Amino acid sequence: MRNDKVFLELLYICIHIITQCVFQDHFPPDKQGNVWKTLREKYGRAFFWSGVIKVFHDLVMFTPPLILSALLVHVSQPNPSKGKLQL
């Protein structure tokens, strides 16, 4: 058991060192940036408006069950005044 744990730790260290050596030239530390900042700068308005549309869509999809529930409650209640629609 202990040998397996040591082996996995050594493997992790080796992989970490190899990836640092390989990707150091491709992504120098001063050129690394925040992915979210880059996406916001490039597609900020599109993300914002797609979020607004998504919230509106969720609200529109949430209302039919509420309307159906209110309609079922209204229909199931005995109404003494027939012919009058009271919502």
C-alpha atoms as a PDB file:
ATOM      1  CA  MET A   1       0.000   0.000   0.000  1.00  0.00           C
ATOM      2  CA  ARG A   2       2.702   2.446   0.972  1.00  0.00           C
ATOM      3  CA  ASN A   3       4.641   1.754  -2.234  1.00  0.00           C
ATOM      4  CA  ASP A   4       1.583   2.617  -4.302  1.00  0.00           C
ATOM      5  CA  LYS A   5       1.174   5.936  -2.525  1.00  0.00           C
ATOM      6  CA  VAL A   6       4.842   6.828  -2.995  1.00  0.00           C
ATOM      7  CA  PHE A   7       4.660   5.831  -6.640  1.00  0.00           C
ATOM      8  CA  LEU A   8       1.603   8.033  -7.235  1.00  0.00           C
ATOM      9  CA  GLU A   9       3.250  10.984  -5.492  1.00  0.00           C
ATOM     10  CA  LEU A  10       6.392  10.595  -7.607  1.00  0.00           C
ATOM     11  CA  LEU A  11       4.291  10.260 -10.745  1.00  0.00           C
ATOM     12  CA  TYR A  12       2.403  13.456  -9.876  1.00  0.00           C
ATOM     13  CA  ILE A  13       5.663  15.333  -9.259  1.00  0.00           C
ATOM     14  CA  CYS A  14       7.132  14.107 -12.556  1.00  0.00           C
ATOM     15  CA  ILE A  15       4.038  15.074 -14.511  1.00  0.00           C
ATOM     16  CA  HIS A  16       3.997  18.493 -12.845  1.00  0.00           C
ATOM     17  CA  ILE A  17       7.669  19.122 -13.675  1.00  0.00           C
ATOM     18  CA  ILE A  18       7.229  17.964 -17.280  1.00  0.00           C
ATOM     19  CA  THR A  19       4.178  20.133 -17.870  1.00  0.00           C
ATOM     20  CA  GLN A  20       5.927  23.143 -16.337  1.00  0.00           C
ATOM     21  CA  CYS A  21       8.939  22.642 -18.640  1.00  0.00           C
ATOM     22  CA  VAL A  22       6.865  22.041 -21.761  1.00  0.00           C
ATOM     23  CA  PHE A  23       4.333  24.830 -21.312  1.00  0.00           C
ATOM     24  CA  GLN A  24       6.684  27.418 -19.863  1.00  0.00           C
ATOM     25  CA  ASP A  25       7.731  28.516 -23.349  1.00  0.00           C
ATOM     26  CA  HIS A  26       4.181  28.565 -24.693  1.00  0.00           C
ATOM     27  CA  PHE A  27       2.585  30.418 -21.810  1.00  0.00           C
ATOM     28  CA  PRO A  28       5.063  32.650 -20.030  1.00  0.00           C
ATOM     29  CA  PRO A  29       3.854  33.912 -16.641  1.00  0.00           C
ATOM     30  CA  ASP A  30       3.522  37.538 -17.779  1.00  0.00           C
ATOM     31  CA  LYS A  31       1.296  36.523 -20.698  1.00  0.00           C
ATOM     32  CA  GLN A  32      -1.073  34.371 -18.656  1.00  0.00           C
ATOM     33  CA  GLY A  33      -4.407  36.047 -18.119  1.00  0.00           C
ATOM     34  CA  ASN A  34      -7.766  35.477 -16.630  1.00  0.00           C
ATOM     35  CA  VAL A  35     -10.096  33.561 -18.937  1.00  0.00           C
ATOM     36  CA  TRP A  36     -13.195  35.301 -17.551  1.00  0.00           C
ATOM     37  CA  LYS A  37     -11.650  38.732 -18.074  1.00  0.00           C
ATOM     38  CA  THR A  38     -10.812  37.893 -21.675  1.00  0.00           C
ATOM     39  CA  LEU A  39     -14.306  36.544 -22.355  1.00  0.00           C
ATOM     40  CA  ARG A  40     -15.869  39.609 -20.750  1.00  0.00           C
ATOM     41  CA  GLU A  41     -13.760  41.966 -22.843  1.00  0.00           C
ATOM     42  CA  LYS A  42     -14.462  40.085 -26.063  1.00  0.00           C
ATOM     43  CA  TYR A  43     -18.104  39.039 -25.611  1.00  0.00           C
ATOM     44  CA  GLY A  44     -19.296  41.141 -22.665  1.00  0.00           C
ATOM     45  CA  ARG A  45     -22.437  42.575 -24.226  1.00  0.00           C
ATOM     46  CA  ALA A  46     -23.422  39.294 -25.834  1.00  0.00           C
ATOM     47  CA  PHE A  47     -23.069  37.460 -22.508  1.00  0.00           C
ATOM     48  CA  PHE A  48     -25.048  40.146 -20.712  1.00  0.00           C
ATOM     49  CA  TRP A  49     -27.931  40.165 -23.178  1.00  0.00           C
ATOM     50  CA  SER A  50     -28.012  36.388 -23.433  1.00  0.00           C
ATOM     51  CA  GLY A  51     -28.290  36.318 -19.633  1.00  0.00           C
ATOM     52  CA  VAL A  52     -31.184  38.796 -19.725  1.00  0.00           C
ATOM     53  CA  ILE A  53     -32.941  36.735 -22.391  1.00  0.00           C
ATOM     54  CA  LYS A  54     -32.338  33.551 -20.356  1.00  0.00           C
ATOM     55  CA  VAL A  55     -33.900  35.103 -17.229  1.00  0.00           C
ATOM     56  CA  PHE A  56     -36.879  36.304 -19.273  1.00  0.00           C
ATOM     57  CA  HIS A  57     -37.249  32.836 -20.829  1.00  0.00           C
ATOM     58  CA  ASP A  58     -37.143  31.165 -17.403  1.00  0.00           C
ATOM     59  CA  LEU A  59     -39.839  33.524 -16.129  1.00  0.00           C
ATOM     60  CA  VAL A  60     -42.016  32.847 -19.158  1.00  0.00           C
ATOM     61  CA  MET A  61     -41.582  29.094 -18.698  1.00  0.00           C
ATOM     62  CA  PHE A  62     -42.418  29.383 -14.984  1.00  0.00           C
ATOM     63  CA  THR A  63     -45.768  31.174 -15.413  1.00  0.00           C
ATOM     64  CA  PRO A  64     -47.859  28.484 -17.219  1.00  0.00           C
ATOM     65  CA  PRO A  65     -47.794  26.095 -14.242  1.00  0.00           C
ATOM     66  CA  LEU A  66     -48.857  28.951 -11.966  1.00  0.00           C
ATOM     67  CA  ILE A  67     -51.701  29.925 -14.270  1.00  0.00           C
ATOM     68  CA  LEU A  68     -52.772  26.289 -14.611  1.00  0.00           C
ATOM     69  CA  SER A  69     -52.688  25.831 -10.836  1.00  0.00           C
ATOM     70  CA  ALA A  70     -54.809  28.941 -10.279  1.00  0.00           C
ATOM     71  CA  LEU A  71     -57.249  27.799 -12.968  1.00  0.00           C
ATOM     72  CA  LEU A  72     -57.576  24.337 -11.421  1.00  0.00           C
ATOM     73  CA  VAL A  73     -58.179  25.833  -7.975  1.00  0.00           C
ATOM     74  CA  HIS A  74     -60.819  28.130  -9.436  1.00  0.00           C
ATOM     75  CA  VAL A  75     -62.571  25.309 -11.312  1.00  0.00           C
ATOM     76  CA  SER A  76     -62.534  22.954  -8.317  1.00  0.00           C
ATOM     77  CA  GLN A  77     -64.146  25.485  -5.956  1.00  0.00           C
ATOM     78  CA  PRO A  78     -67.923  25.445  -5.779  1.00  0.00           C
ATOM     79  CA  ASN A  79     -69.225  28.777  -7.051  1.00  0.00           C
ATOM     80  CA  PRO A  80     -72.623  29.823  -5.714  1.00  0.00           C
ATOM     81  CA  SER A  81     -73.014  32.593  -8.276  1.00  0.00           C
ATOM     82  CA  LYS A  82     -73.169  30.696 -11.552  1.00  0.00           C
ATOM     83  CA  GLY A  83     -72.397  32.610 -14.667  1.00  0.00           C
ATOM     84  CA  LYS A  84     -69.969  35.043 -13.005  1.00  0.00           C
ATOM     85  CA  LEU A  85     -66.291  34.500 -13.559  1.00  0.00           C
ATOM     86  CA  GLN A  86     -64.275  35.561 -10.544  1.00  0.00           C
ATOM     87  CA  LEU A  87     -60.541  35.062 -10.679  1.00  0.00           C
END
